Protein backbone atom coordinates (compact mmCIF):
# COMPACT_ATOMS: atom_id res chain seq x y z
CA UNK A 1 41.91 -39.05 -158.88
CA UNK A 2 42.24 -36.68 -155.92
CA UNK A 3 42.77 -33.09 -156.96
CA UNK A 4 46.28 -32.49 -155.65
CA UNK A 5 46.22 -28.81 -156.47
CA UNK A 6 43.10 -28.17 -154.39
CA UNK A 7 45.27 -29.02 -151.36
CA UNK A 8 48.07 -26.62 -152.34
CA UNK A 9 48.30 -22.83 -152.34
CA UNK A 10 48.03 -20.79 -155.51
CA UNK A 11 51.41 -20.79 -157.30
CA UNK A 12 52.68 -23.93 -155.54
CA UNK A 13 56.46 -24.19 -155.42
CA UNK A 14 58.41 -27.31 -156.27
CA UNK A 15 61.81 -28.47 -157.51
CA UNK A 16 62.88 -30.24 -160.66
CA UNK A 17 64.56 -32.76 -158.42
CA UNK A 18 68.30 -33.03 -157.94
CA UNK A 19 70.21 -31.30 -155.14
CA UNK A 20 73.90 -30.94 -154.25
CA UNK A 21 75.33 -34.07 -152.65
CA UNK A 22 76.43 -33.35 -149.08
CA UNK A 23 77.89 -36.62 -147.81
CA UNK A 24 78.10 -37.40 -144.12
CA UNK A 25 81.22 -37.62 -142.01
CA UNK A 26 82.54 -40.15 -139.57
CA UNK A 27 81.85 -43.90 -139.63
CA UNK A 28 78.34 -43.43 -141.03
CA UNK A 29 79.75 -42.33 -144.40
CA UNK A 30 81.09 -45.86 -144.89
CA UNK A 31 77.90 -47.62 -143.78
CA UNK A 32 75.43 -45.48 -145.76
CA UNK A 33 77.31 -42.77 -147.65
CA UNK A 34 74.25 -41.05 -149.11
CA UNK A 35 71.88 -41.11 -146.13
CA UNK A 36 73.13 -37.73 -144.91
CA UNK A 37 72.85 -36.28 -148.42
CA UNK A 38 69.19 -37.29 -148.67
CA UNK A 39 68.47 -35.69 -145.30
CA UNK A 40 70.25 -32.47 -146.22
CA UNK A 41 68.36 -32.27 -149.50
CA UNK A 42 64.95 -32.82 -147.93
CA UNK A 43 65.59 -30.53 -144.97
CA UNK A 44 66.92 -27.75 -147.23
CA UNK A 45 63.74 -27.87 -149.31
CA UNK A 46 61.55 -27.88 -146.22
CA UNK A 47 63.43 -24.99 -144.60
CA UNK A 48 62.99 -22.99 -147.79
CA UNK A 49 59.24 -23.67 -147.67
CA UNK A 50 58.92 -25.72 -150.87
CA UNK A 51 55.38 -27.07 -151.27
CA UNK A 52 56.22 -30.23 -153.26
CA UNK A 53 59.66 -31.62 -152.42
CA UNK A 54 61.83 -34.39 -153.87
CA UNK A 55 64.24 -36.87 -152.31
CA UNK A 56 67.16 -34.88 -153.78
CA UNK A 57 68.28 -37.51 -156.32
CA UNK A 58 71.67 -37.75 -154.64
CA UNK A 59 72.69 -41.33 -155.50
CA UNK A 60 74.03 -40.79 -159.00
CA UNK A 61 73.59 -39.04 -162.31
CA UNK A 62 70.20 -39.30 -163.99
CA UNK A 63 71.30 -42.11 -166.32
CA UNK A 64 73.38 -44.34 -164.06
CA UNK A 65 71.01 -44.05 -161.09
CA UNK A 66 68.48 -46.11 -163.06
CA UNK A 67 70.50 -48.02 -165.66
CA UNK A 68 72.77 -49.55 -163.00
CA UNK A 69 69.76 -51.31 -161.49
CA UNK A 70 68.10 -52.67 -164.62
CA UNK A 71 68.85 -56.23 -165.79
CA UNK A 72 70.11 -56.27 -169.36
CA UNK A 73 72.42 -53.28 -168.89
CA UNK A 74 76.11 -53.63 -168.04
CA UNK A 75 77.84 -50.32 -167.43
CA UNK A 76 76.75 -48.19 -170.39
CA UNK A 77 76.10 -51.19 -172.64
CA UNK A 78 72.73 -52.78 -173.27
CA UNK A 79 73.68 -56.43 -173.59
CA UNK A 80 70.31 -58.21 -173.48
CA UNK A 81 66.60 -57.50 -173.06
CA UNK A 82 66.04 -54.77 -170.47
CA UNK A 83 63.84 -55.92 -167.60
CA UNK A 84 62.42 -54.21 -164.49
CA UNK A 85 64.75 -53.89 -161.52
CA UNK A 86 64.52 -56.75 -159.00
CA UNK A 87 63.46 -54.22 -156.36
CA UNK A 88 62.54 -50.55 -156.02
CA UNK A 89 65.21 -48.08 -157.12
CA UNK A 90 64.20 -44.75 -155.58
CA UNK A 91 61.45 -45.72 -153.15
CA UNK A 92 63.58 -45.86 -149.96
CA UNK A 93 64.79 -42.26 -150.32
CA UNK A 94 61.32 -41.15 -151.35
CA UNK A 95 59.82 -42.79 -148.26
CA UNK A 96 62.24 -40.81 -146.11
CA UNK A 97 61.07 -37.61 -147.79
CA UNK A 98 57.45 -38.68 -147.20
CA UNK A 99 58.20 -39.18 -143.51
CA UNK A 100 59.22 -35.52 -143.33
CA UNK A 101 56.79 -33.81 -145.72
CA UNK A 102 53.23 -34.34 -146.89
CA UNK A 103 53.77 -33.59 -150.57
CA UNK A 104 56.61 -35.44 -152.32
CA UNK A 105 57.05 -36.07 -156.04
CA UNK A 106 58.55 -39.24 -157.41
CA UNK A 107 61.08 -38.67 -160.20
CA UNK A 108 62.12 -40.90 -163.08
CA UNK A 109 64.60 -40.33 -165.87
CA UNK A 110 62.54 -40.73 -169.01
CA UNK A 111 62.93 -43.82 -171.18
CA UNK A 112 63.98 -41.88 -174.29
CA UNK A 113 66.65 -39.89 -172.45
CA UNK A 114 67.87 -43.11 -170.84
CA UNK A 115 68.11 -44.77 -174.24
CA UNK A 116 70.40 -41.99 -175.49
CA UNK A 117 72.67 -42.40 -172.47
CA UNK A 118 73.37 -46.05 -173.30
CA UNK A 119 75.11 -48.03 -176.03
CA UNK A 120 73.16 -50.76 -177.79
CA UNK A 121 75.45 -53.81 -177.76
CA UNK A 122 72.90 -56.46 -178.72
CA UNK A 123 70.90 -57.21 -181.89
CA UNK A 124 67.76 -57.48 -179.77
CA UNK A 125 67.13 -53.74 -180.23
CA UNK A 126 66.98 -52.22 -183.70
CA UNK A 127 67.32 -48.62 -182.51
CA UNK A 128 66.97 -46.35 -179.48
CA UNK A 129 63.22 -46.03 -179.85
CA UNK A 130 62.95 -49.82 -179.69
CA UNK A 131 65.09 -49.81 -176.55
CA UNK A 132 63.04 -46.98 -175.03
CA UNK A 133 59.91 -49.13 -175.14
CA UNK A 134 61.45 -51.77 -172.87
CA UNK A 135 62.96 -49.07 -170.66
CA UNK A 136 59.48 -47.59 -170.32
CA UNK A 137 58.06 -50.95 -169.24
CA UNK A 138 60.81 -51.28 -166.64
CA UNK A 139 60.29 -47.74 -165.38
CA UNK A 140 56.53 -48.28 -165.17
CA UNK A 141 57.19 -50.79 -162.40
CA UNK A 142 59.13 -48.14 -160.49
CA UNK A 143 56.38 -45.60 -161.15
CA UNK A 144 53.78 -47.88 -159.61
CA UNK A 145 56.05 -48.53 -156.61
CA UNK A 146 56.43 -44.79 -156.06
CA UNK A 147 52.68 -44.30 -156.28
CA UNK A 148 52.21 -47.12 -153.79
CA UNK A 149 54.67 -45.43 -151.42
CA UNK A 150 52.47 -42.32 -151.40
CA UNK A 151 53.95 -39.75 -153.78
CA UNK A 152 51.55 -36.96 -154.74
CA UNK A 153 52.78 -36.76 -158.33
CA UNK A 154 55.27 -38.33 -160.70
CA UNK A 155 57.82 -36.39 -162.76
CA UNK A 156 59.46 -37.85 -165.86
CA UNK A 157 62.63 -36.09 -167.02
CA UNK A 158 63.17 -36.04 -170.80
CA UNK A 159 65.79 -33.36 -171.56
CA UNK A 160 66.73 -35.14 -174.81
CA UNK A 161 63.43 -34.07 -176.38
CA UNK A 162 64.51 -30.46 -176.91
CA UNK A 163 67.64 -31.44 -178.87
CA UNK A 164 65.96 -32.87 -181.97
CA UNK A 165 67.87 -36.13 -181.60
CA UNK A 166 64.89 -38.27 -180.61
CA UNK A 167 61.86 -39.42 -182.58
CA UNK A 168 59.24 -37.35 -180.75
CA UNK A 169 56.30 -39.57 -181.72
CA UNK A 170 57.99 -42.70 -180.39
CA UNK A 171 59.09 -40.79 -177.28
CA UNK A 172 55.44 -39.97 -176.64
CA UNK A 173 54.48 -43.61 -177.02
CA UNK A 174 57.16 -44.63 -174.52
CA UNK A 175 56.04 -42.00 -172.02
CA UNK A 176 52.45 -43.15 -172.35
CA UNK A 177 53.47 -46.57 -170.99
CA UNK A 178 54.51 -44.88 -167.73
CA UNK A 179 51.79 -42.23 -167.52
CA UNK A 180 49.11 -44.80 -168.22
CA UNK A 181 50.00 -47.00 -165.26
CA UNK A 182 49.54 -44.46 -162.44
CA UNK A 183 46.65 -42.39 -161.10
CA UNK A 184 48.68 -39.53 -159.62
CA UNK A 185 49.33 -36.46 -161.81
CA UNK A 186 52.29 -36.85 -164.17
CA UNK A 187 54.69 -34.01 -164.98
CA UNK A 188 57.01 -33.98 -168.00
CA UNK A 189 60.23 -31.98 -167.54
CA UNK A 190 61.98 -30.82 -170.70
CA UNK A 191 64.67 -28.14 -170.48
CA UNK A 192 66.39 -26.15 -173.23
CA UNK A 193 64.89 -24.33 -176.23
CA UNK A 194 61.48 -25.85 -176.97
CA UNK A 195 60.74 -23.97 -180.18
CA UNK A 196 61.01 -27.05 -182.42
CA UNK A 197 58.97 -29.40 -180.21
CA UNK A 198 56.47 -27.36 -178.21
CA UNK A 199 53.40 -28.35 -180.24
CA UNK A 200 54.22 -32.03 -179.93
CA UNK A 201 55.00 -31.76 -176.22
CA UNK A 202 51.58 -30.27 -175.60
CA UNK A 203 50.04 -33.45 -177.03
CA UNK A 204 51.84 -35.71 -174.54
CA UNK A 205 49.55 -37.52 -172.05
CA UNK A 206 50.71 -35.59 -168.98
CA UNK A 207 49.07 -33.25 -166.49
CA UNK A 208 51.98 -30.80 -166.12
CA UNK A 209 54.59 -29.56 -168.57
CA UNK A 210 57.70 -28.40 -166.70
CA UNK A 211 59.83 -25.95 -168.70
CA UNK A 212 62.95 -23.79 -168.39
CA UNK A 213 62.08 -20.08 -168.47
CA UNK A 214 64.70 -18.20 -166.44
CA UNK A 215 67.59 -19.04 -168.77
CA UNK A 216 65.28 -19.52 -171.78
CA UNK A 217 62.55 -16.87 -171.40
CA UNK A 218 61.35 -17.44 -174.97
CA UNK A 219 59.88 -20.76 -173.82
CA UNK A 220 57.22 -18.82 -171.95
CA UNK A 221 56.23 -17.04 -175.16
CA UNK A 222 56.07 -20.40 -176.94
CA UNK A 223 53.53 -21.77 -174.47
CA UNK A 224 51.51 -18.56 -174.30
CA UNK A 225 48.52 -18.49 -176.64
CA UNK A 226 48.51 -22.22 -177.35
CA UNK A 227 45.70 -24.54 -176.38
CA UNK A 228 46.92 -26.16 -173.19
CA UNK A 229 43.72 -28.01 -172.47
CA UNK A 230 43.75 -28.90 -168.77
CA UNK A 231 47.54 -28.95 -168.55
CA UNK A 232 49.34 -26.97 -165.91
CA UNK A 233 52.76 -25.47 -166.53
CA UNK A 234 55.68 -25.57 -164.10
CA UNK A 235 57.69 -22.47 -164.95
CA UNK A 236 61.42 -22.31 -164.23
CA UNK A 237 61.95 -19.03 -162.39
CA UNK A 238 65.54 -19.39 -161.17
CA UNK A 239 68.55 -20.24 -163.33
CA UNK A 240 69.94 -23.65 -162.35
CA UNK A 241 73.13 -23.15 -164.35
CA UNK A 242 74.26 -19.99 -162.54
CA UNK A 243 75.49 -20.08 -158.91
CA UNK A 244 74.40 -16.47 -158.45
CA UNK A 245 71.38 -16.32 -156.17
CA UNK A 246 68.84 -14.05 -157.85
CA UNK A 247 67.11 -11.48 -155.67
CA UNK A 248 63.40 -11.67 -154.92
CA UNK A 249 62.53 -8.82 -157.28
CA UNK A 250 64.10 -10.60 -160.25
CA UNK A 251 62.31 -13.87 -159.49
CA UNK A 252 59.05 -12.05 -158.81
CA UNK A 253 59.21 -10.41 -162.23
CA UNK A 254 59.59 -13.82 -163.86
CA UNK A 255 56.60 -15.19 -161.96
CA UNK A 256 54.47 -12.18 -162.89
CA UNK A 257 55.44 -12.58 -166.54
CA UNK A 258 54.21 -16.18 -166.42
CA UNK A 259 50.96 -15.12 -164.78
CA UNK A 260 50.38 -12.47 -167.45
CA UNK A 261 50.66 -15.09 -170.18
CA UNK A 262 49.13 -18.18 -168.59
CA UNK A 263 47.15 -17.17 -165.50
CA UNK A 264 48.07 -17.93 -161.90
CA UNK A 265 45.69 -20.89 -161.56
CA UNK A 266 47.63 -22.91 -164.14
CA UNK A 267 51.14 -22.37 -162.75
CA UNK A 268 53.67 -24.12 -160.58
CA UNK A 269 56.91 -22.33 -159.69
CA UNK A 270 60.28 -24.12 -159.71
CA UNK A 271 63.92 -23.83 -160.83
CA UNK A 272 64.81 -24.28 -164.50
CA UNK A 273 66.36 -27.68 -163.86
CA UNK A 274 68.03 -29.70 -161.11
CA UNK A 275 70.38 -27.90 -158.72
CA UNK A 276 72.88 -30.74 -158.28
CA UNK A 277 75.83 -28.96 -159.93
CA UNK A 278 75.61 -25.82 -157.76
CA UNK A 279 77.30 -25.19 -154.40
CA UNK A 280 75.01 -26.10 -151.52
CA UNK A 281 74.62 -22.51 -150.33
CA UNK A 282 73.65 -21.36 -153.83
CA UNK A 283 71.09 -24.13 -154.27
CA UNK A 284 69.52 -23.53 -150.87
CA UNK A 285 69.59 -19.76 -151.34
CA UNK A 286 67.83 -19.97 -154.70
CA UNK A 287 65.03 -22.05 -153.18
CA UNK A 288 64.59 -19.66 -150.26
CA UNK A 289 64.28 -16.64 -152.51
CA UNK A 290 62.07 -18.44 -155.00
CA UNK A 291 59.60 -19.33 -152.24
CA UNK A 292 59.64 -15.78 -150.88
CA UNK A 293 59.05 -14.38 -154.36
CA UNK A 294 56.15 -16.77 -154.98
CA UNK A 295 54.57 -15.79 -151.67
CA UNK A 296 54.98 -12.11 -152.46
CA UNK A 297 53.32 -12.46 -155.85
CA UNK A 298 50.58 -14.68 -154.39
CA UNK A 299 49.67 -11.91 -151.94
CA UNK A 300 49.28 -9.47 -154.83
CA UNK A 301 46.54 -11.56 -156.46
CA UNK A 302 43.02 -10.46 -155.51
CA UNK A 303 40.83 -12.93 -153.64
């Protein structure tokens, strides 16, 4: 496995993934309504100076974007065995991002979170954990397609894991199906209060744990002092739920706090979560200031 992080600066900046949807105008909006949105998302990240960008995840919410393409699912109902999609789901938009930027992450909604966004309407599946296993197998096909397209890392979003609703052991088993099929680094994004699950999350077979720390600063304390092994931590340093664009000083303080607890060599810097629900100017502004803050702090580090 190539060491991705040897090719990136200290405190590399990234995004959790989603970006506001800015649809095009004129006839093109009828032919390919989301093409302009993908371009705006990628260009906004590049203009901000983000080191690892995404495709913007503009084609739907995190559940429907995947479930709508998987055989066995009709609307929100699972009606038969879930199978891999007949073709790639996110690869086309990711390839566009790769044509514009060297470092692009592929992003999947995790199988356990997907299972909680659906209704089981078939006796084939006993429970959501049973469903998540087949979802994981289907998503593994997409993961391998993204790796083949050239992504530098893969992110799996599992926000359900902080709620206590899911069986964490079975969620880990489902994630392992995906993580075990690719060679690129795998990041697990879990937002919210992690106090009840942090020890289990640190056992997951991933290279990066991506956590919310701007809105939930206690998460940083939870990670601090634990045995992280070789895991890196992507630390949320801007609040994705608030349209206010934090100033550089505020973001810099959050980054320094993470360095004090975890060390700069282990960190990635990103927003708490996706930016999709914010106004475009707020989302872009947060990324610009986050990058500036990371660069400022990077310059303070000796050597």
